[in-house]
PDB file of N, CA and C in Angstrom:
ATOM      1  N   UNK A   1      -0.516-108.924-169.995  1.00  0.00           N
ATOM      2  CA  UNK A   1       0.913-109.041-170.176  1.00  0.00           C
ATOM      3  C   UNK A   1       1.228-110.517-170.432  1.00  0.00           C
ATOM      4  N   UNK A   2       2.140-110.809-171.341  1.00  0.00           N
ATOM      5  CA  UNK A   2       2.476-112.201-171.630  1.00  0.00           C
ATOM      6  C   UNK A   2       2.979-112.938-170.383  1.00  0.00           C
ATOM      7  N   UNK A   3       2.600-114.214-170.244  1.00  0.00           N
ATOM      8  CA  UNK A   3       2.977-114.991-169.051  1.00  0.00           C
ATOM      9  C   UNK A   3       4.479-115.018-168.773  1.00  0.00           C
ATOM     10  N   UNK A   4       5.308-115.046-169.803  1.00  0.00           N
ATOM     11  CA  UNK A   4       6.752-115.092-169.568  1.00  0.00           C
ATOM     12  C   UNK A   4       7.261-113.787-168.955  1.00  0.00           C
ATOM     13  N   UNK A   5       6.678-112.662-169.358  1.00  0.00           N
ATOM     14  CA  UNK A   5       7.072-111.375-168.773  1.00  0.00           C
ATOM     15  C   UNK A   5       6.579-111.288-167.331  1.00  0.00           C
ATOM     16  N   UNK A   6       5.353-111.763-167.078  1.00  0.00           N
ATOM     17  CA  UNK A   6       4.814-111.779-165.712  1.00  0.00           C
ATOM     18  C   UNK A   6       5.724-112.603-164.809  1.00  0.00           C
ATOM     19  N   UNK A   7       6.100-113.796-165.250  1.00  0.00           N
ATOM     20  CA  UNK A   7       6.956-114.674-164.446  1.00  0.00           C
ATOM     21  C   UNK A   7       8.312-114.024-164.174  1.00  0.00           C
ATOM     22  N   UNK A   8       8.892-113.413-165.188  1.00  0.00           N
ATOM     23  CA  UNK A   8      10.194-112.764-165.018  1.00  0.00           C
ATOM     24  C   UNK A   8      10.106-111.602-164.034  1.00  0.00           C
ATOM     25  N   UNK A   9       9.027-110.840-164.111  1.00  0.00           N
ATOM     26  CA  UNK A   9       8.879-109.699-163.196  1.00  0.00           C
ATOM     27  C   UNK A   9       8.627-110.162-161.765  1.00  0.00           C
ATOM     28  N   UNK A  10       7.830-111.201-161.598  1.00  0.00           N
ATOM     29  CA  UNK A  10       7.610-111.734-160.248  1.00  0.00           C
ATOM     30  C   UNK A  10       8.921-112.227-159.644  1.00  0.00           C
ATOM     31  N   UNK A  11       9.744-112.862-160.462  1.00  0.00           N
ATOM     32  CA  UNK A  11      11.039-113.350-159.992  1.00  0.00           C
ATOM     33  C   UNK A  11      11.927-112.180-159.569  1.00  0.00           C
ATOM     34  N   UNK A  12      11.963-111.121-160.371  1.00  0.00           N
ATOM     35  CA  UNK A  12      12.744-109.931-160.014  1.00  0.00           C
ATOM     36  C   UNK A  12      12.273-109.319-158.701  1.00  0.00           C
ATOM     37  N   UNK A  13      10.964-109.221-158.540  1.00  0.00           N
ATOM     38  CA  UNK A  13      10.406-108.657-157.304  1.00  0.00           C
ATOM     39  C   UNK A  13      10.846-109.494-156.107  1.00  0.00           C
ATOM     40  N   UNK A  14      10.754-110.816-156.240  1.00  0.00           N
ATOM     41  CA  UNK A  14      11.114-111.709-155.139  1.00  0.00           C
ATOM     42  C   UNK A  14      12.610-111.659-154.830  1.00  0.00           C
ATOM     43  N   UNK A  15      13.432-111.657-155.861  1.00  0.00           N
ATOM     44  CA  UNK A  15      14.877-111.768-155.664  1.00  0.00           C
ATOM     45  C   UNK A  15      15.589-110.440-155.431  1.00  0.00           C
ATOM     46  N   UNK A  16      15.101-109.379-156.064  1.00  0.00           N
ATOM     47  CA  UNK A  16      15.820-108.103-155.987  1.00  0.00           C
ATOM     48  C   UNK A  16      14.993-106.955-155.424  1.00  0.00           C
ATOM     49  N   UNK A  17      13.681-107.161-155.306  1.00  0.00           N
ATOM     50  CA  UNK A  17      12.809-106.081-154.868  1.00  0.00           C
ATOM     51  C   UNK A  17      12.210-106.277-153.489  1.00  0.00           C
ATOM     52  N   UNK A  18      12.840-107.144-152.688  1.00  0.00           N
ATOM     53  CA  UNK A  18      12.381-107.405-151.315  1.00  0.00           C
ATOM     54  C   UNK A  18      10.902-107.775-151.265  1.00  0.00           C
ATOM     55  N   UNK A  19      10.388-108.289-152.376  1.00  0.00           N
ATOM     56  CA  UNK A  19       8.997-108.728-152.422  1.00  0.00           C
ATOM     57  C   UNK A  19       7.982-107.610-152.545  1.00  0.00           C
ATOM     58  N   UNK A  20       8.448-106.360-152.655  1.00  0.00           N
ATOM     59  CA  UNK A  20       7.486-105.252-152.694  1.00  0.00           C
ATOM     60  C   UNK A  20       7.614-104.325-153.902  1.00  0.00           C
ATOM     61  N   UNK A  21       8.752-104.353-154.593  1.00  0.00           N
ATOM     62  CA  UNK A  21       8.879-103.449-155.732  1.00  0.00           C
ATOM     63  C   UNK A  21       9.622-104.105-156.893  1.00  0.00           C
ATOM     64  N   UNK A  22       9.367-103.539-158.081  1.00  0.00           N
ATOM     65  CA  UNK A  22      10.087-103.917-159.288  1.00  0.00           C
ATOM     66  C   UNK A  22      11.367-103.103-159.317  1.00  0.00           C
ATOM     67  N   UNK A  23      12.518-103.747-159.344  1.00  0.00           N
ATOM     68  CA  UNK A  23      13.756-102.975-159.455  1.00  0.00           C
ATOM     69  C   UNK A  23      13.745-102.123-160.730  1.00  0.00           C
ATOM     70  N   UNK A  24      14.472-101.049-160.688  1.00  0.00           N
ATOM     71  CA  UNK A  24      14.477-100.152-161.844  1.00  0.00           C
ATOM     72  C   UNK A  24      15.246-100.782-163.005  1.00  0.00           C
ATOM     73  N   UNK A  25      14.620-100.809-164.171  1.00  0.00           N
ATOM     74  CA  UNK A  25      15.313-101.323-165.350  1.00  0.00           C
ATOM     75  C   UNK A  25      16.232-100.243-165.918  1.00  0.00           C
ATOM     76  N   UNK A  26      17.113-100.614-166.817  1.00  0.00           N
ATOM     77  CA  UNK A  26      17.955 -99.595-167.450  1.00  0.00           C
ATOM     78  C   UNK A  26      17.117 -98.732-168.389  1.00  0.00           C
ATOM     79  N   UNK A  27      17.556 -97.525-168.666  1.00  0.00           N
ATOM     80  CA  UNK A  27      16.813 -96.655-169.584  1.00  0.00           C
ATOM     81  C   UNK A  27      16.535 -97.295-170.944  1.00  0.00           C
ATOM     82  N   UNK A  28      17.396 -98.200-171.391  1.00  0.00           N
ATOM     83  CA  UNK A  28      17.155 -98.855-172.683  1.00  0.00           C
ATOM     84  C   UNK A  28      15.848 -99.641-172.684  1.00  0.00           C
ATOM     85  N   UNK A  29      15.385-100.081-171.516  1.00  0.00           N
ATOM     86  CA  UNK A  29      14.117-100.815-171.428  1.00  0.00           C
ATOM     87  C   UNK A  29      12.934 -99.938-171.822  1.00  0.00           C
ATOM     88  N   UNK A  30      13.115 -98.635-171.783  1.00  0.00           N
ATOM     89  CA  UNK A  30      12.052 -97.694-172.135  1.00  0.00           C
ATOM     90  C   UNK A  30      12.272 -97.073-173.513  1.00  0.00           C
ATOM     91  N   UNK A  31      13.200 -97.649-174.272  1.00  0.00           N
ATOM     92  CA  UNK A  31      13.442 -97.172-175.623  1.00  0.00           C
ATOM     93  C   UNK A  31      14.452 -96.051-175.724  1.00  0.00           C
ATOM     94  N   UNK A  32      15.128 -95.744-174.629  1.00  0.00           N
ATOM     95  CA  UNK A  32      16.154 -94.705-174.675  1.00  0.00           C
ATOM     96  C   UNK A  32      17.450 -95.372-175.134  1.00  0.00           C
ATOM     97  N   UNK A  33      17.953 -94.977-176.288  1.00  0.00           N
ATOM     98  CA  UNK A  33      19.135 -95.647-176.833  1.00  0.00           C
ATOM     99  C   UNK A  33      20.353 -95.528-175.918  1.00  0.00           C
ATOM    100  N   UNK A  34      21.149 -96.583-175.899  1.00  0.00           N
ATOM    101  CA  UNK A  34      22.398 -96.564-175.142  1.00  0.00           C
ATOM    102  C   UNK A  34      23.245 -95.392-175.640  1.00  0.00           C
ATOM    103  N   UNK A  35      23.793 -94.626-174.714  1.00  0.00           N
ATOM    104  CA  UNK A  35      24.628 -93.495-175.084  1.00  0.00           C
ATOM    105  C   UNK A  35      23.867 -92.216-175.400  1.00  0.00           C
ATOM    106  N   UNK A  36      22.520 -92.235-175.300  1.00  0.00           N
ATOM    107  CA  UNK A  36      21.725 -91.024-175.549  1.00  0.00           C
ATOM    108  C   UNK A  36      22.134 -89.951-174.543  1.00  0.00           C
ATOM    109  N   UNK A  37      22.057 -88.707-174.939  1.00  0.00           N
ATOM    110  CA  UNK A  37      22.500 -87.606-174.072  1.00  0.00           C
ATOM    111  C   UNK A  37      21.725 -87.525-172.759  1.00  0.00           C
ATOM    112  N   UNK A  38      20.513 -88.083-172.703  1.00  0.00           N
ATOM    113  CA  UNK A  38      19.717 -88.018-171.471  1.00  0.00           C
ATOM    114  C   UNK A  38      19.710 -89.328-170.675  1.00  0.00           C
ATOM    115  N   UNK A  39      20.517 -90.307-171.076  1.00  0.00           N
ATOM    116  CA  UNK A  39      20.536 -91.596-170.384  1.00  0.00           C
ATOM    117  C   UNK A  39      20.856 -91.435-168.904  1.00  0.00           C
ATOM    118  N   UNK A  40      21.907 -90.711-168.570  1.00  0.00           N
ATOM    119  CA  UNK A  40      22.281 -90.539-167.161  1.00  0.00           C
ATOM    120  C   UNK A  40      21.223 -89.753-166.397  1.00  0.00           C
ATOM    121  N   UNK A  41      20.628 -88.760-167.028  1.00  0.00           N
ATOM    122  CA  UNK A  41      19.562 -87.971-166.399  1.00  0.00           C
ATOM    123  C   UNK A  41      18.391 -88.878-166.026  1.00  0.00           C
ATOM    124  N   UNK A  42      17.981 -89.751-166.953  1.00  0.00           N
ATOM    125  CA  UNK A  42      16.880 -90.684-166.692  1.00  0.00           C
ATOM    126  C   UNK A  42      17.274 -91.659-165.589  1.00  0.00           C
ATOM    127  N   UNK A  43      18.467 -92.218-165.658  1.00  0.00           N
ATOM    128  CA  UNK A  43      18.920 -93.197-164.666  1.00  0.00           C
ATOM    129  C   UNK A  43      18.868 -92.616-163.249  1.00  0.00           C
ATOM    130  N   UNK A  44      19.215 -91.348-163.099  1.00  0.00           N
ATOM    131  CA  UNK A  44      19.197 -90.711-161.770  1.00  0.00           C
ATOM    132  C   UNK A  44      17.776 -90.491-161.249  1.00  0.00           C
ATOM    133  N   UNK A  45      16.806 -90.424-162.138  1.00  0.00           N
ATOM    134  CA  UNK A  45      15.438 -90.086-161.736  1.00  0.00           C
ATOM    135  C   UNK A  45      14.467 -91.263-161.717  1.00  0.00           C
ATOM    136  N   UNK A  46      14.828 -92.364-162.322  1.00  0.00           N
ATOM    137  CA  UNK A  46      13.930 -93.511-162.387  1.00  0.00           C
ATOM    138  C   UNK A  46      13.772 -94.107-160.984  1.00  0.00           C
ATOM    139  N   UNK A  47      12.572 -94.508-160.659  1.00  0.00           N
ATOM    140  CA  UNK A  47      12.294 -95.043-159.324  1.00  0.00           C
ATOM    141  C   UNK A  47      11.667 -96.434-159.432  1.00  0.00           C
ATOM    142  N   UNK A  48      11.796 -97.234-158.376  1.00  0.00           N
ATOM    143  CA  UNK A  48      11.177 -98.560-158.395  1.00  0.00           C
ATOM    144  C   UNK A  48       9.657 -98.458-158.527  1.00  0.00           C
ATOM    145  N   UNK A  49       9.068 -99.495-159.082  1.00  0.00           N
ATOM    146  CA  UNK A  49       7.617 -99.561-159.305  1.00  0.00           C
ATOM    147  C   UNK A  49       7.016-100.528-158.287  1.00  0.00           C
ATOM    148  N   UNK A  50       5.993-100.096-157.565  1.00  0.00           N
ATOM    149  CA  UNK A  50       5.354-100.957-156.565  1.00  0.00           C
ATOM    150  C   UNK A  50       4.800-102.221-157.225  1.00  0.00           C
ATOM    151  N   UNK A  51       5.200-103.370-156.722  1.00  0.00           N
ATOM    152  CA  UNK A  51       4.779-104.651-157.302  1.00  0.00           C
ATOM    153  C   UNK A  51       3.277-104.863-157.186  1.00  0.00           C
ATOM    154  N   UNK A  52       2.663-104.312-156.158  1.00  0.00           N
ATOM    155  CA  UNK A  52       1.224-104.533-155.954  1.00  0.00           C
ATOM    156  C   UNK A  52       0.385-104.000-157.106  1.00  0.00           C
ATOM    157  N   UNK A  53       0.895-103.020-157.842  1.00  0.00           N
ATOM    158  CA  UNK A  53       0.121-102.493-158.973  1.00  0.00           C
ATOM    159  C   UNK A  53       0.022-103.499-160.113  1.00  0.00           C
ATOM    160  N   UNK A  54       0.909-104.475-160.139  1.00  0.00           N
ATOM    161  CA  UNK A  54       0.829-105.543-161.139  1.00  0.00           C
ATOM    162  C   UNK A  54      -0.123-106.649-160.701  1.00  0.00           C
ATOM    163  N   UNK A  55      -0.350-106.765-159.418  1.00  0.00           N
ATOM    164  CA  UNK A  55      -1.118-107.885-158.878  1.00  0.00           C
ATOM    165  C   UNK A  55      -2.563-107.530-158.537  1.00  0.00           C
ATOM    166  N   UNK A  56      -2.871-106.251-158.415  1.00  0.00           N
ATOM    167  CA  UNK A  56      -4.217-105.818-158.031  1.00  0.00           C
ATOM    168  C   UNK A  56      -5.025-105.440-159.264  1.00  0.00           C
ATOM    169  N   UNK A  57      -6.254-105.942-159.334  1.00  0.00           N
ATOM    170  CA  UNK A  57      -7.141-105.588-160.451  1.00  0.00           C
ATOM    171  C   UNK A  57      -7.607-104.149-160.295  1.00  0.00           C
ATOM    172  N   UNK A  58      -7.714-103.476-161.408  1.00  0.00           N
ATOM    173  CA  UNK A  58      -8.219-102.112-161.438  1.00  0.00           C
ATOM    174  C   UNK A  58      -9.587-102.146-162.090  1.00  0.00           C
ATOM    175  N   UNK A  59     -10.604-101.735-161.361  1.00  0.00           N
ATOM    176  CA  UNK A  59     -11.957-101.702-161.903  1.00  0.00           C
ATOM    177  C   UNK A  59     -12.319-100.248-162.175  1.00  0.00           C
ATOM    178  N   UNK A  60     -12.612 -99.968-163.430  1.00  0.00           N
ATOM    179  CA  UNK A  60     -12.938 -98.600-163.819  1.00  0.00           C
ATOM    180  C   UNK A  60     -14.439 -98.447-164.003  1.00  0.00           C
ATOM    181  N   UNK A  61     -15.017 -97.492-163.304  1.00  0.00           N
ATOM    182  CA  UNK A  61     -16.425 -97.140-163.477  1.00  0.00           C
ATOM    183  C   UNK A  61     -16.500 -95.627-163.472  1.00  0.00           C
ATOM    184  N   UNK A  62     -17.178 -95.008-164.340  1.00  0.00           N
ATOM    185  CA  UNK A  62     -17.861 -95.498-165.530  1.00  0.00           C
ATOM    186  C   UNK A  62     -16.851 -96.059-166.532  1.00  0.00           C
ATOM    187  N   UNK A  63     -17.315 -96.456-167.710  1.00  0.00           N
ATOM    188  CA  UNK A  63     -16.416 -97.075-168.684  1.00  0.00           C
ATOM    189  C   UNK A  63     -15.201 -96.207-169.008  1.00  0.00           C
ATOM    190  N   UNK A  64     -14.151 -96.875-169.445  1.00  0.00           N
ATOM    191  CA  UNK A  64     -12.898 -96.217-169.786  1.00  0.00           C
ATOM    192  C   UNK A  64     -13.142 -95.006-170.688  1.00  0.00           C
ATOM    193  N   UNK A  65     -12.643 -93.873-170.289  1.00  0.00           N
ATOM    194  CA  UNK A  65     -12.814 -92.637-171.051  1.00  0.00           C
ATOM    195  C   UNK A  65     -13.936 -91.760-170.534  1.00  0.00           C
ATOM    196  N   UNK A  66     -14.826 -92.336-169.735  1.00  0.00           N
ATOM    197  CA  UNK A  66     -15.914 -91.568-169.127  1.00  0.00           C
ATOM    198  C   UNK A  66     -16.695 -90.755-170.163  1.00  0.00           C
ATOM    199  N   UNK A  67     -16.881 -91.356-171.351  1.00  0.00           N
ATOM    200  CA  UNK A  67     -17.645 -90.685-172.394  1.00  0.00           C
ATOM    201  C   UNK A  67     -16.868 -89.671-173.213  1.00  0.00           C
ATOM    202  N   UNK A  68     -15.618 -89.475-172.880  1.00  0.00           N
ATOM    203  CA  UNK A  68     -14.774 -88.514-173.603  1.00  0.00           C
ATOM    204  C   UNK A  68     -14.073 -89.217-174.760  1.00  0.00           C
ATOM    205  N   UNK A  69     -13.620 -88.475-175.751  1.00  0.00           N
ATOM    206  CA  UNK A  69     -12.851 -89.090-176.838  1.00  0.00           C
ATOM    207  C   UNK A  69     -11.598 -89.777-176.282  1.00  0.00           C
ATOM    208  N   UNK A  70     -11.241 -90.900-176.884  1.00  0.00           N
ATOM    209  CA  UNK A  70     -10.088 -91.674-176.420  1.00  0.00           C
ATOM    210  C   UNK A  70      -9.073 -91.809-177.547  1.00  0.00           C
ATOM    211  N   UNK A  71      -7.821 -91.557-177.213  1.00  0.00           N
ATOM    212  CA  UNK A  71      -6.731 -91.694-178.179  1.00  0.00           C
ATOM    213  C   UNK A  71      -5.642 -92.545-177.560  1.00  0.00           C
ATOM    214  N   UNK A  72      -5.211 -93.552-178.304  1.00  0.00           N
ATOM    215  CA  UNK A  72      -4.092 -94.392-177.876  1.00  0.00           C
ATOM    216  C   UNK A  72      -2.864 -93.951-178.658  1.00  0.00           C
ATOM    217  N   UNK A  73      -1.795 -93.678-177.948  1.00  0.00           N
ATOM    218  CA  UNK A  73      -0.544 -93.265-178.582  1.00  0.00           C
ATOM    219  C   UNK A  73       0.440 -94.420-178.457  1.00  0.00           C
ATOM    220  N   UNK A  74       0.879 -94.925-179.592  1.00  0.00           N
ATOM    221  CA  UNK A  74       1.856 -96.016-179.586  1.00  0.00           C
ATOM    222  C   UNK A  74       3.202 -95.469-180.057  1.00  0.00           C
ATOM    223  N   UNK A  75       4.212 -95.739-179.252  1.00  0.00           N
ATOM    224  CA  UNK A  75       5.574 -95.343-179.607  1.00  0.00           C
ATOM    225  C   UNK A  75       6.188 -96.521-180.351  1.00  0.00           C
ATOM    226  N   UNK A  76       6.619 -96.271-181.576  1.00  0.00           N
ATOM    227  CA  UNK A  76       6.950 -97.358-182.495  1.00  0.00           C
ATOM    228  C   UNK A  76       8.432 -97.645-182.690  1.00  0.00           C
ATOM    229  N   UNK A  77       9.310 -96.818-182.139  1.00  0.00           N
ATOM    230  CA  UNK A  77      10.721 -97.011-182.448  1.00  0.00           C
ATOM    231  C   UNK A  77      11.600 -96.932-181.210  1.00  0.00           C
ATOM    232  N   UNK A  78      11.751 -98.042-180.492  1.00  0.00           N
ATOM    233  CA  UNK A  78      11.195 -99.369-180.764  1.00  0.00           C
ATOM    234  C   UNK A  78       9.849 -99.542-180.075  1.00  0.00           C
ATOM    235  N   UNK A  79       9.099-100.555-180.489  1.00  0.00           N
ATOM    236  CA  UNK A  79       7.874-100.918-179.767  1.00  0.00           C
ATOM    237  C   UNK A  79       8.262-101.410-178.380  1.00  0.00           C
ATOM    238  N   UNK A  80       7.422-101.150-177.395  1.00  0.00           N
ATOM    239  CA  UNK A  80       7.671-101.559-176.007  1.00  0.00           C
ATOM    240  C   UNK A  80       6.956-102.894-175.781  1.00  0.00           C
ATOM    241  N   UNK A  81       7.680-104.022-175.742  1.00  0.00           N
ATOM    242  CA  UNK A  81       7.034-105.340-175.655  1.00  0.00           C
ATOM    243  C   UNK A  81       6.001-105.488-174.532  1.00  0.00           C
ATOM    244  N   UNK A  82       6.233-104.949-173.323  1.00  0.00           N
ATOM    245  CA  UNK A  82       5.224-105.142-172.277  1.00  0.00           C
ATOM    246  C   UNK A  82       3.864-104.509-172.569  1.00  0.00           C
ATOM    247  N   UNK A  83       3.792-103.576-173.517  1.00  0.00           N
ATOM    248  CA  UNK A  83       2.509-102.942-173.824  1.00  0.00           C
ATOM    249  C   UNK A  83       1.808-103.578-175.025  1.00  0.00           C
ATOM    250  N   UNK A  84       2.308-104.699-175.491  1.00  0.00           N
ATOM    251  CA  UNK A  84       1.697-105.372-176.651  1.00  0.00           C
ATOM    252  C   UNK A  84       0.229-105.702-176.400  1.00  0.00           C
ATOM    253  N   UNK A  85      -0.090-106.186-175.206  1.00  0.00           N
ATOM    254  CA  UNK A  85      -1.478-106.527-174.884  1.00  0.00           C
ATOM    255  C   UNK A  85      -2.397-105.323-174.947  1.00  0.00           C
ATOM    256  N   UNK A  86      -1.924-104.183-174.470  1.00  0.00           N
ATOM    257  CA  UNK A  86      -2.733-102.958-174.522  1.00  0.00           C
ATOM    258  C   UNK A  86      -2.958-102.529-175.965  1.00  0.00           C
ATOM    259  N   UNK A  87      -1.918-102.609-176.776  1.00  0.00           N
ATOM    260  CA  UNK A  87      -2.065-102.240-178.194  1.00  0.00           C
ATOM    261  C   UNK A  87      -3.087-103.139-178.883  1.00  0.00           C
ATOM    262  N   UNK A  88      -2.991-104.439-178.619  1.00  0.00           N
ATOM    263  CA  UNK A  88      -3.923-105.392-179.236  1.00  0.00           C
ATOM    264  C   UNK A  88      -5.353-105.122-178.778  1.00  0.00           C
ATOM    265  N   UNK A  89      -5.535-104.829-177.496  1.00  0.00           N
ATOM    266  CA  UNK A  89      -6.870-104.577-176.952  1.00  0.00           C
ATOM    267  C   UNK A  89      -7.475-103.328-177.594  1.00  0.00           C
ATOM    268  N   UNK A  90      -6.712-102.230-177.618  1.00  0.00           N
ATOM    269  CA  UNK A  90      -7.220-100.974-178.177  1.00  0.00           C
ATOM    270  C   UNK A  90      -7.561-101.136-179.656  1.00  0.00           C
ATOM    271  N   UNK A  91      -6.734-101.861-180.393  1.00  0.00           N
ATOM    272  CA  UNK A  91      -6.971-102.038-181.830  1.00  0.00           C
ATOM    273  C   UNK A  91      -8.310-102.718-182.109  1.00  0.00           C
ATOM    274  N   UNK A  92      -8.821-103.489-181.157  1.00  0.00           N
ATOM    275  CA  UNK A  92     -10.090-104.207-181.337  1.00  0.00           C
ATOM    276  C   UNK A  92     -11.300-103.408-180.848  1.00  0.00           C
ATOM    277  N   UNK A  93     -11.062-102.256-180.223  1.00  0.00           N
ATOM    278  CA  UNK A  93     -12.145-101.475-179.631  1.00  0.00           C
ATOM    279  C   UNK A  93     -12.701-100.457-180.618  1.00  0.00           C
ATOM    280  N   UNK A  94     -13.987-100.188-180.477  1.00  0.00           N
ATOM    281  CA  UNK A  94     -14.606 -99.100-181.233  1.00  0.00           C
ATOM    282  C   UNK A  94     -14.392 -97.792-180.477  1.00  0.00           C
ATOM    283  N   UNK A  95     -14.321 -96.709-181.207  1.00  0.00           N
ATOM    284  CA  UNK A  95     -14.294 -95.395-180.583  1.00  0.00           C
ATOM    285  C   UNK A  95     -12.931 -94.903-180.142  1.00  0.00           C
ATOM    286  N   UNK A  96     -11.876 -95.608-180.506  1.00  0.00           N
ATOM    287  CA  UNK A  96     -10.535 -95.164-180.139  1.00  0.00           C
ATOM    288  C   UNK A  96      -9.826 -94.590-181.360  1.00  0.00           C
ATOM    289  N   UNK A  97      -9.201 -93.433-181.193  1.00  0.00           N
ATOM    290  CA  UNK A  97      -8.282 -92.918-182.209  1.00  0.00           C
ATOM    291  C   UNK A  97      -6.912 -93.536-181.928  1.00  0.00           C
ATOM    292  N   UNK A  98      -6.119 -93.680-182.954  1.00  0.00           N
ATOM    293  CA  UNK A  98      -4.801 -94.322-182.845  1.00  0.00           C
ATOM    294  C   UNK A  98      -3.773 -93.363-183.417  1.00  0.00           C
ATOM    295  N   UNK A  99      -2.792 -93.007-182.617  1.00  0.00           N
ATOM    296  CA  UNK A  99      -1.709 -92.130-183.070  1.00  0.00           C
ATOM    297  C   UNK A  99      -0.382 -92.846-182.844  1.00  0.00           C
ATOM    298  N   UNK A 100       0.560 -92.611-183.720  1.00  0.00           N
ATOM    299  CA  UNK A 100       1.883 -93.212-183.581  1.00  0.00           C
ATOM    300  C   UNK A 100       2.950 -92.131-183.517  1.00  0.00           C
ATOM    301  N   UNK A 101       3.938 -92.390-182.675  1.00  0.00           N
ATOM    302  CA  UNK A 101       5.127 -91.543-182.602  1.00  0.00           C
ATOM    303  C   UNK A 101       6.332 -92.441-182.859  1.00  0.00           C
ATOM    304  N   UNK A 102       7.195 -92.039-183.756  1.00  0.00           N
ATOM    305  CA  UNK A 102       8.375 -92.834-184.094  1.00  0.00           C
ATOM    306  C   UNK A 102       9.484 -92.570-183.084  1.00  0.00           C
ATOM    307  N   UNK A 103       9.230 -93.010-181.853  1.00  0.00           N
ATOM    308  CA  UNK A 103      10.186 -92.837-180.768  1.00  0.00           C
ATOM    309  C   UNK A 103       9.976 -93.963-179.769  1.00  0.00           C
ATOM    310  N   UNK A 104      10.819 -94.022-178.750  1.00  0.00           N
ATOM    311  CA  UNK A 104      10.707 -95.051-177.730  1.00  0.00           C
ATOM    312  C   UNK A 104       9.606 -94.758-176.721  1.00  0.00           C
ATOM    313  N   UNK A 105       9.393 -95.708-175.806  1.00  0.00           N
ATOM    314  CA  UNK A 105       8.324 -95.656-174.806  1.00  0.00           C
ATOM    315  C   UNK A 105       8.386 -94.376-173.959  1.00  0.00           C
ATOM    316  N   UNK A 106       9.557 -93.899-173.655  1.00  0.00           N
ATOM    317  CA  UNK A 106       9.697 -92.648-172.896  1.00  0.00           C
ATOM    318  C   UNK A 106       9.675 -91.454-173.843  1.00  0.00           C
ATOM    319  N   UNK A 107       8.585 -91.336-174.578  1.00  0.00           N
ATOM    320  CA  UNK A 107       8.460 -90.300-175.608  1.00  0.00           C
ATOM    321  C   UNK A 107       8.625 -88.899-175.036  1.00  0.00           C
ATOM    322  N   UNK A 108       8.162 -88.680-173.815  1.00  0.00           N
ATOM    323  CA  UNK A 108       8.254 -87.341-173.241  1.00  0.00           C
ATOM    324  C   UNK A 108       9.706 -86.933-173.001  1.00  0.00           C
ATOM    325  N   UNK A 109      10.610 -87.910-172.925  1.00  0.00           N
ATOM    326  CA  UNK A 109      12.041 -87.624-172.783  1.00  0.00           C
ATOM    327  C   UNK A 109      12.683 -87.477-174.163  1.00  0.00           C
ATOM    328  N   UNK A 110      12.346 -88.407-175.048  1.00  0.00           N
ATOM    329  CA  UNK A 110      12.999 -88.488-176.355  1.00  0.00           C
ATOM    330  C   UNK A 110      12.450 -87.512-177.390  1.00  0.00           C
ATOM    331  N   UNK A 111      11.171 -87.200-177.298  1.00  0.00           N
ATOM    332  CA  UNK A 111      10.531 -86.348-178.314  1.00  0.00           C
ATOM    333  C   UNK A 111       9.506 -85.426-177.663  1.00  0.00           C
ATOM    334  N   UNK A 112       9.935 -84.561-176.737  1.00  0.00           N
ATOM    335  CA  UNK A 112       8.973 -83.742-175.991  1.00  0.00           C
ATOM    336  C   UNK A 112       8.133 -82.816-176.867  1.00  0.00           C
ATOM    337  N   UNK A 113       8.722 -82.256-177.897  1.00  0.00           N
ATOM    338  CA  UNK A 113       7.961 -81.361-178.775  1.00  0.00           C
ATOM    339  C   UNK A 113       6.861 -82.126-179.497  1.00  0.00           C
ATOM    340  N   UNK A 114       7.205 -83.296-180.032  1.00  0.00           N
ATOM    341  CA  UNK A 114       6.220 -84.113-180.741  1.00  0.00           C
ATOM    342  C   UNK A 114       5.091 -84.554-179.818  1.00  0.00           C
ATOM    343  N   UNK A 115       5.429 -84.903-178.574  1.00  0.00           N
ATOM    344  CA  UNK A 115       4.405 -85.296-177.600  1.00  0.00           C
ATOM    345  C   UNK A 115       3.481 -84.116-177.314  1.00  0.00           C
ATOM    346  N   UNK A 116       4.049 -82.950-177.081  1.00  0.00           N
ATOM    347  CA  UNK A 116       3.232 -81.765-176.796  1.00  0.00           C
ATOM    348  C   UNK A 116       2.307 -81.431-177.960  1.00  0.00           C
ATOM    349  N   UNK A 117       2.818 -81.509-179.174  1.00  0.00           N
ATOM    350  CA  UNK A 117       1.987 -81.226-180.347  1.00  0.00           C
ATOM    351  C   UNK A 117       0.864 -82.248-180.488  1.00  0.00           C
ATOM    352  N   UNK A 118       1.184 -83.512-180.280  1.00  0.00           N
ATOM    353  CA  UNK A 118       0.163 -84.556-180.382  1.00  0.00           C
ATOM    354  C   UNK A 118      -0.920 -84.355-179.321  1.00  0.00           C
ATOM    355  N   UNK A 119      -0.511 -84.109-178.083  1.00  0.00           N
ATOM    356  CA  UNK A 119      -1.490 -83.907-177.010  1.00  0.00           C
ATOM    357  C   UNK A 119      -2.342 -82.666-177.259  1.00  0.00           C
ATOM    358  N   UNK A 120      -1.750 -81.625-177.779  1.00  0.00           N
ATOM    359  CA  UNK A 120      -2.520 -80.421-178.106  1.00  0.00           C
ATOM    360  C   UNK A 120      -3.544 -80.701-179.194  1.00  0.00           C
ATOM    361  N   UNK A 121      -3.175 -81.536-180.144  1.00  0.00           N
ATOM    362  CA  UNK A 121      -4.072 -81.849-181.260  1.00  0.00           C
ATOM    363  C   UNK A 121      -5.253 -82.719-180.842  1.00  0.00           C
ATOM    364  N   UNK A 122      -5.043 -83.616-179.868  1.00  0.00           N
ATOM    365  CA  UNK A 122      -6.147 -84.494-179.460  1.00  0.00           C
ATOM    366  C   UNK A 122      -7.036 -83.834-178.424  1.00  0.00           C
ATOM    367  N   UNK A 123      -6.568 -82.744-177.844  1.00  0.00           N
ATOM    368  CA  UNK A 123      -7.366 -81.946-176.935  1.00  0.00           C
ATOM    369  C   UNK A 123      -7.792 -82.649-175.724  1.00  0.00           C
TER     370      UNK A 123
END
């Protein structure tokens, strides 16, 4: 994650999250357009994110994918800035399929049919 985003999130955790959680961002942070019919539904269900998950290293063994086919799904409209590092990393890896959905980061809210079809296709 870019250093400026890390610093901003740490500041939010310290100032608004009692040092333990990331306060909930507005639905627009996940690509849900302002005024979308599901904005209020998402706002009522969104929960704080534990800050420790940003600070603790995750070690995966066996290698990522455990020998299974791997597909990265990027939601392109709009792109989610905090996932830029993941997109860049996957693009440099061998053995990854790349799929795009022209929707926001919360694709399962904004385009559930398209998500289901894509997941069914990648098996």
